[in-house]
Protein backbone atom coordinates (compact mmCIF):
# COMPACT_ATOMS: atom_id res chain seq x y z
CA MET A 1 -12.47 -45.45 0.98
CA ASN A 2 -14.45 -42.42 0.51
CA ILE A 3 -13.05 -39.94 -1.77
CA LYS A 4 -14.97 -37.25 -0.19
CA ALA A 5 -13.39 -37.82 2.86
CA ILE A 6 -10.15 -37.79 1.39
CA PHE A 7 -10.37 -34.40 -0.23
CA LEU A 8 -11.86 -33.02 2.85
CA GLU A 9 -8.88 -34.22 5.19
CA ASN A 10 -6.25 -33.35 2.72
CA LYS A 11 -6.29 -29.69 1.49
CA ALA A 12 -3.05 -30.27 -0.96
CA ALA A 13 -4.86 -33.09 -2.96
CA SER A 14 -8.11 -31.25 -3.05
CA SER A 15 -6.38 -28.03 -4.47
CA LEU A 16 -4.09 -29.88 -6.92
CA ALA A 17 -7.08 -31.80 -8.14
CA LEU A 18 -9.21 -28.53 -8.52
CA THR A 19 -6.23 -26.88 -10.25
CA PHE A 20 -5.94 -29.79 -12.51
CA VAL A 21 -9.93 -29.78 -13.40
CA LEU A 22 -9.77 -25.78 -14.06
CA GLY A 23 -6.65 -26.33 -16.13
CA THR A 24 -8.09 -28.96 -18.30
CA ALA A 25 -10.99 -26.71 -18.75
CA ILE A 26 -8.98 -23.77 -19.66
CA LEU A 27 -6.59 -25.62 -21.82
CA GLY A 28 -9.91 -27.55 -23.84
CA TYR A 29 -11.19 -23.89 -24.45
CA LEU A 30 -7.94 -22.61 -25.69
CA THR A 31 -7.46 -25.56 -28.27
CA TRP A 32 -11.32 -25.38 -29.21
CA SER A 33 -10.56 -21.55 -30.04
CA ALA A 34 -7.38 -22.20 -31.77
CA TRP A 35 -8.98 -24.96 -33.72
CA ASP A 36 -11.79 -22.41 -34.92
CA ASN A 37 -9.33 -19.55 -35.84
CA TYR A 38 -7.30 -22.38 -37.96
CA GLY A 39 -10.41 -23.41 -39.60
CA SER A 40 -11.29 -19.74 -40.43
CA ALA A 41 -7.69 -18.90 -41.49
CA THR A 42 -7.41 -21.90 -43.81
CA ALA A 43 -10.87 -20.93 -45.56
CA ASP A 44 -9.63 -17.55 -46.29
CA TYR A 45 -6.53 -18.81 -47.53
CA SER A 46 -8.15 -21.15 -49.68
CA SER A 47 -10.53 -18.45 -51.01
CA LYS A 48 -7.49 -16.06 -51.79
CA ALA A 49 -5.54 -18.95 -53.41
CA SER A 50 -8.33 -19.67 -55.75
CA THR A 51 -8.81 -15.83 -56.35
CA LEU A 52 -4.99 -15.74 -57.25
CA ASP A 53 -5.31 -18.62 -59.58
CA GLN A 54 -8.26 -17.35 -61.62
CA LEU A 55 -6.27 -13.86 -61.77
CA SER A 56 -3.30 -15.83 -62.91
CA HIS A 57 -4.95 -17.44 -65.97
CA LYS A 58 -6.72 -14.13 -67.06
CA GLU A 59 -5.46 -12.28 -70.13
CA VAL A 60 -3.38 -9.20 -69.53
CA PHE A 61 -5.33 -5.96 -70.44
CA PRO A 62 -3.11 -4.29 -72.93
CA SER A 63 -3.28 -7.45 -75.24
CA ASP A 64 -3.50 -7.06 -79.04
CA SER A 65 -7.45 -8.26 -79.01
CA ASN A 66 -8.39 -5.63 -76.11
CA LEU A 67 -6.52 -2.77 -78.17
CA LYS A 68 -8.50 -4.00 -81.31
CA LYS A 69 -11.52 -3.72 -79.72
CA ILE A 70 -10.94 -0.20 -78.12
CA SER A 71 -9.92 1.26 -81.30
CA GLU A 72 -13.09 -0.09 -83.22
CA THR A 73 -15.40 1.28 -80.37
CA LEU A 74 -13.41 4.74 -80.27
CA SER A 75 -13.63 4.94 -84.34
CA ASP A 76 -17.28 4.27 -84.23
CA ASN A 77 -17.96 6.88 -81.58
CA GLN A 78 -15.85 9.48 -83.54
CA ALA A 79 -17.93 8.61 -86.56
CA ASN A 80 -21.25 8.75 -84.60
CA LEU A 81 -20.02 12.10 -83.26
CA ASP A 82 -19.22 13.43 -86.38
CA LYS A 83 -22.84 12.56 -87.97
CA LEU A 84 -24.42 14.25 -84.78
CA ARG A 85 -22.53 17.32 -85.49
CA LYS A 86 -23.37 17.60 -89.02
CA ALA A 87 -26.97 16.95 -88.13
CA LEU A 88 -26.67 19.93 -85.54
CA GLU A 89 -25.20 22.22 -88.09
CA ALA A 90 -28.56 22.19 -89.69
CA PHE A 91 -30.24 23.82 -86.73
CA HIS A 92 -27.54 26.28 -85.87
CA VAL A 93 -28.70 29.71 -85.32
CA ALA A 94 -26.64 32.56 -86.01
CA THR A 95 -25.14 34.72 -83.07
CA PHE A 96 -26.91 38.16 -82.23
CA GLY A 97 -24.97 40.77 -83.60
CA GLU A 98 -21.11 40.34 -83.32
CA PHE A 99 -21.66 38.48 -80.10
CA ASP A 100 -19.18 35.59 -80.77
CA LYS A 101 -16.07 38.27 -81.74
CA ILE A 102 -16.67 40.00 -78.32
CA LYS A 103 -14.20 38.94 -75.44
CA PRO A 104 -15.95 36.70 -73.09
CA GLN A 105 -15.69 38.67 -70.13
CA ASP A 106 -17.52 41.86 -71.96
CA GLN A 107 -20.23 39.29 -73.49
CA PRO A 108 -22.65 39.79 -70.51
CA GLN A 109 -22.56 43.59 -70.80
CA TYR A 110 -22.94 43.59 -74.46
CA PHE A 111 -25.88 41.32 -74.13
CA GLN A 112 -27.51 43.41 -71.57
CA ASP A 113 -26.92 46.80 -73.60
CA THR A 114 -28.13 45.24 -76.96
CA LEU A 115 -31.24 44.09 -75.16
CA ARG A 116 -31.98 47.23 -73.52
CA SER A 117 -31.61 49.28 -76.89
CA GLU A 118 -34.08 46.61 -78.53
CA VAL A 119 -36.50 46.53 -75.63
CA THR A 120 -36.47 50.60 -75.73
CA ALA A 121 -36.97 50.39 -79.43
CA ILE A 122 -39.90 48.36 -79.28
CA GLN A 123 -41.56 49.97 -76.17
CA PRO A 124 -43.95 52.50 -78.06
CA PHE A 125 -45.37 49.67 -80.27
CA ILE A 126 -46.20 47.64 -77.01
CA LEU A 127 -47.65 50.54 -75.17
CA ASP A 128 -49.71 51.54 -78.51
CA TRP A 129 -50.80 47.85 -78.49
CA MET A 130 -51.70 47.64 -74.71
CA THR A 131 -53.65 50.87 -75.02
CA MET A 132 -55.62 49.73 -78.04
CA LYS A 133 -56.29 46.51 -76.30
CA THR A 134 -57.67 48.41 -73.25
CA ILE A 135 -59.73 50.58 -75.36
CA TYR A 136 -61.05 47.82 -77.77
CA HIS A 137 -60.82 44.82 -76.05
CA ASN A 138 -63.11 45.16 -72.84
CA PRO A 139 -62.51 48.52 -71.02
CA SER A 140 -64.65 47.51 -67.81
CA SER A 141 -62.57 44.53 -67.14
CA CYS A 142 -59.24 46.21 -67.66
CA HIS A 143 -57.71 48.00 -64.70
CA TYR A 144 -54.88 49.83 -66.96
CA SER A 145 -55.67 53.30 -68.54
CA PRO A 146 -53.48 55.11 -70.63
CA ASP A 147 -51.80 57.17 -67.97
CA ASN A 148 -51.31 53.99 -66.00
CA LEU A 149 -49.41 52.31 -68.88
CA LEU A 150 -47.36 55.45 -69.19
CA PHE A 151 -46.35 55.10 -65.50
CA LEU A 152 -45.61 51.36 -65.54
CA SER A 153 -43.44 52.06 -68.62
CA GLY A 154 -41.81 54.96 -66.79
CA LEU A 155 -42.78 57.43 -69.22
CA GLY A 156 -45.26 59.53 -67.34
CA LYS A 157 -46.87 60.02 -63.97
CA ALA A 158 -49.71 57.67 -62.53
CA SER A 159 -52.87 59.43 -62.27
CA ALA A 160 -54.95 59.37 -58.90
CA ALA A 161 -57.51 56.90 -59.32
């Protein structure tokens, strides 16, 4: 008997055989996929179980030894901070005027007013120095004249040069 002839004559038997082969292939694929998923789930479970086991054997954080270490570190840091503050006090610069007694919101304006008055007080000395430098240093290389210096300071008019 020829199997090929049987399948060609009997359509029901050929359809049943084809369905059986396709069903076996599909079930094989599904079995392989489930086995692969089972393997990855088992590996994931074992890694998480080992992590849980490691964590269950660790010492709980607020233990006496941990608190003792933290308090020692804190006291050492506080002592070092006190030493640093004492060392920095040697470099303390007194504040300008009564700057530390002024309200914080008024400090910028007070600083600007004080700076303006100090600059105004020393401005004549700077102008005298610049004039003397212009005259005695090297007059040919300097582009400033006493009139220009007065103009730059806002006290006079510029000369037409």
